């Protein structure tokens, strides 16, 4: 049983916001990782059904049917194959930017950096843990063995992030 995840991201308070940076290395080419981040046919394998219009100002819409959560925001930064940013917010909520950056790390590997920002008054530990779980799902989808949401990983990461923020 995992008590505390060893690969937690970096977390920092920045005024009225909390910023979390998660970094992963995948033994897959940037183009492969990018496809999973952006292709509507692949998004359900690790995140949720939806579509992201790949240009600044494009719509980013993800439907978490089981929880009733609907992300409906706008792409705020975009560079094909390298950068994607949108807000992880429902309509009327404060912005919670999620920034995906991809870099080649050798001939057939990718370094993914995910930066998320939440209002400091919200449960940043829960948000960070959710992304930890989804990154685990992304890793599994890259290996063509999609998994369900890993609740044990989520709970351990949530508790660890909350302790870091206390």
Protein backbone atom coordinates (compact mmCIF):
# COMPACT_ATOMS: atom_id res chain seq x y z
CA UNK A 1 0.00 0.00 0.00
CA UNK A 2 1.27 3.46 -0.89
CA UNK A 3 1.35 5.90 2.03
CA UNK A 4 2.70 8.92 0.16
CA UNK A 5 3.35 9.09 -3.57
CA UNK A 6 7.06 9.54 -4.19
CA UNK A 7 6.61 11.48 -7.42
CA UNK A 8 4.51 14.42 -6.25
CA UNK A 9 4.74 17.61 -8.21
CA UNK A 10 5.95 20.97 -7.00
CA UNK A 11 3.39 23.14 -5.25
CA UNK A 12 3.60 26.84 -4.44
CA UNK A 13 1.37 29.56 -3.06
CA UNK A 14 1.40 32.64 -5.29
CA UNK A 15 -0.68 35.32 -3.60
CA UNK A 16 -4.31 34.34 -3.95
CA UNK A 17 -3.48 31.29 -6.08
CA UNK A 18 -1.84 27.90 -5.72
CA UNK A 19 0.26 26.58 -8.60
CA UNK A 20 1.14 22.92 -9.04
CA UNK A 21 3.67 21.65 -11.58
CA UNK A 22 3.65 17.95 -12.49
CA UNK A 23 6.33 16.49 -14.74
CA UNK A 24 6.38 13.09 -16.40
CA UNK A 25 8.62 11.33 -18.89
CA UNK A 26 6.99 8.96 -21.35
CA UNK A 27 8.81 6.55 -23.64
CA UNK A 28 6.71 7.73 -26.57
CA UNK A 29 7.30 10.36 -29.24
CA UNK A 30 5.89 13.84 -28.72
CA UNK A 31 3.42 13.30 -31.58
CA UNK A 32 1.97 10.25 -29.81
CA UNK A 33 1.54 12.05 -26.48
CA UNK A 34 0.10 15.11 -28.25
CA UNK A 35 -2.50 12.92 -29.94
CA UNK A 36 -3.75 11.61 -26.61
CA UNK A 37 -3.94 15.18 -25.24
CA UNK A 38 -5.93 16.53 -28.17
CA UNK A 39 -7.72 13.84 -30.22
CA UNK A 40 -11.43 13.64 -29.29
CA UNK A 41 -11.35 9.89 -29.99
CA UNK A 42 -8.53 9.38 -27.44
CA UNK A 43 -9.57 11.82 -24.68
CA UNK A 44 -12.07 9.37 -23.09
CA UNK A 45 -9.26 6.84 -22.57
CA UNK A 46 -7.67 8.97 -19.86
CA UNK A 47 -9.69 12.12 -19.24
CA UNK A 48 -13.28 12.51 -20.47
CA UNK A 49 -15.31 12.69 -23.68
CA UNK A 50 -14.96 16.06 -25.30
CA UNK A 51 -13.29 18.22 -27.87
CA UNK A 52 -10.61 20.88 -27.82
CA UNK A 53 -10.42 23.28 -30.75
CA UNK A 54 -6.71 23.56 -31.41
CA UNK A 55 -6.18 27.30 -31.75
CA UNK A 56 -6.14 30.30 -29.42
CA UNK A 57 -9.72 31.20 -28.61
CA UNK A 58 -10.93 27.70 -29.52
CA UNK A 59 -13.44 25.94 -27.34
CA UNK A 60 -12.30 23.37 -24.78
CA UNK A 61 -15.24 21.22 -23.72
CA UNK A 62 -14.99 18.07 -21.59
CA UNK A 63 -17.98 16.18 -20.20
CA UNK A 64 -17.42 14.18 -17.03
CA UNK A 65 -20.73 12.39 -17.31
CA UNK A 66 -20.42 10.34 -14.11
CA UNK A 67 -19.81 13.38 -11.89
CA UNK A 68 -22.01 15.83 -13.76
CA UNK A 69 -19.05 18.16 -14.29
CA UNK A 70 -18.87 20.00 -17.60
CA UNK A 71 -15.70 21.88 -18.48
CA UNK A 72 -16.53 24.56 -21.02
CA UNK A 73 -13.73 27.04 -21.55
CA UNK A 74 -11.43 28.58 -24.13
CA UNK A 75 -7.94 27.71 -25.35
CA UNK A 76 -5.71 30.50 -24.06
CA UNK A 77 -2.34 29.32 -25.42
CA UNK A 78 -1.48 26.97 -28.25
CA UNK A 79 1.56 25.82 -30.21
CA UNK A 80 1.01 22.67 -32.30
CA UNK A 81 2.66 19.62 -30.75
CA UNK A 82 4.18 21.61 -27.90
CA UNK A 83 1.75 23.75 -25.87
CA UNK A 84 -1.91 23.69 -24.94
CA UNK A 85 -3.59 25.77 -22.24
CA UNK A 86 -7.23 26.14 -21.26
CA UNK A 87 -9.14 26.75 -18.06
CA UNK A 88 -10.36 23.82 -16.03
CA UNK A 89 -13.60 25.57 -15.15
CA UNK A 90 -17.30 25.26 -15.58
CA UNK A 91 -19.17 28.32 -16.90
CA UNK A 92 -19.31 31.08 -14.27
CA UNK A 93 -16.45 29.67 -12.20
CA UNK A 94 -13.09 31.36 -11.61
CA UNK A 95 -10.36 30.50 -14.10
CA UNK A 96 -8.20 27.49 -13.27
CA UNK A 97 -5.58 27.39 -16.03
CA UNK A 98 -4.21 24.01 -17.06
CA UNK A 99 -1.05 24.27 -19.19
CA UNK A 100 0.39 21.27 -21.04
CA UNK A 101 3.94 21.57 -22.39
CA UNK A 102 5.67 18.82 -24.35
CA UNK A 103 9.36 18.52 -25.19
CA UNK A 104 11.29 15.76 -26.90
CA UNK A 105 13.46 13.90 -24.40
CA UNK A 106 15.66 11.78 -26.61
CA UNK A 107 14.76 10.23 -29.96
CA UNK A 108 11.48 8.60 -28.90
CA UNK A 109 10.55 10.03 -25.52
CA UNK A 110 8.58 13.01 -24.25
CA UNK A 111 8.87 15.21 -21.21
CA UNK A 112 5.40 16.46 -20.25
CA UNK A 113 5.03 19.39 -17.88
CA UNK A 114 1.54 20.08 -16.58
CA UNK A 115 1.01 23.32 -14.67
CA UNK A 116 -2.30 23.98 -12.99
CA UNK A 117 -3.38 27.03 -11.06
CA UNK A 118 -6.28 27.19 -8.63
CA UNK A 119 -7.66 29.91 -6.38
CA UNK A 120 -5.99 29.58 -2.95
CA UNK A 121 -9.40 29.35 -1.27
CA UNK A 122 -10.14 26.09 -3.12
CA UNK A 123 -8.88 22.59 -2.32
CA UNK A 124 -5.67 22.66 -4.36
CA UNK A 125 -4.64 19.30 -2.88
CA UNK A 126 -7.72 17.67 -4.35
CA UNK A 127 -7.15 19.34 -7.72
CA UNK A 128 -3.50 18.26 -7.84
CA UNK A 129 -4.42 14.72 -6.85
CA UNK A 130 -7.02 14.56 -9.60
CA UNK A 131 -4.39 15.45 -12.17
CA UNK A 132 -1.98 12.90 -10.64
CA UNK A 133 -4.64 10.26 -11.22
CA UNK A 134 -5.34 11.42 -14.77
CA UNK A 135 -1.62 11.38 -15.59
CA UNK A 136 -1.52 7.77 -14.42
CA UNK A 137 -4.45 7.09 -16.75
CA UNK A 138 -2.59 8.89 -19.58
CA UNK A 139 0.48 6.70 -19.02
CA UNK A 140 -1.69 3.57 -19.21
CA UNK A 141 -3.48 4.80 -22.35
CA UNK A 142 -0.11 5.43 -24.00
CA UNK A 143 0.64 1.74 -23.45
CA UNK A 144 -2.77 0.81 -24.93
CA UNK A 145 -4.00 -0.54 -21.59
CA UNK A 146 -6.47 2.14 -20.42
CA UNK A 147 -7.41 2.00 -16.74
CA UNK A 148 -10.28 3.33 -14.67
CA UNK A 149 -9.74 6.34 -12.44
CA UNK A 150 -7.17 5.19 -9.83
CA UNK A 151 -8.90 6.19 -6.58
CA UNK A 152 -6.12 4.86 -4.33
CA UNK A 153 -3.55 7.01 -6.14
CA UNK A 154 -5.93 9.96 -5.94
CA UNK A 155 -6.53 9.58 -2.19
CA UNK A 156 -2.83 9.15 -1.34
CA UNK A 157 -1.82 12.13 -3.48
CA UNK A 158 -4.66 14.28 -2.11
CA UNK A 159 -3.60 13.65 1.47
CA UNK A 160 0.06 14.31 0.64
CA UNK A 161 -0.67 17.59 -1.17
CA UNK A 162 -2.96 18.74 1.61
CA UNK A 163 -0.18 18.06 4.11
CA UNK A 164 2.26 20.09 2.00
CA UNK A 165 -0.18 23.00 1.91
CA UNK A 166 -0.97 22.91 5.65
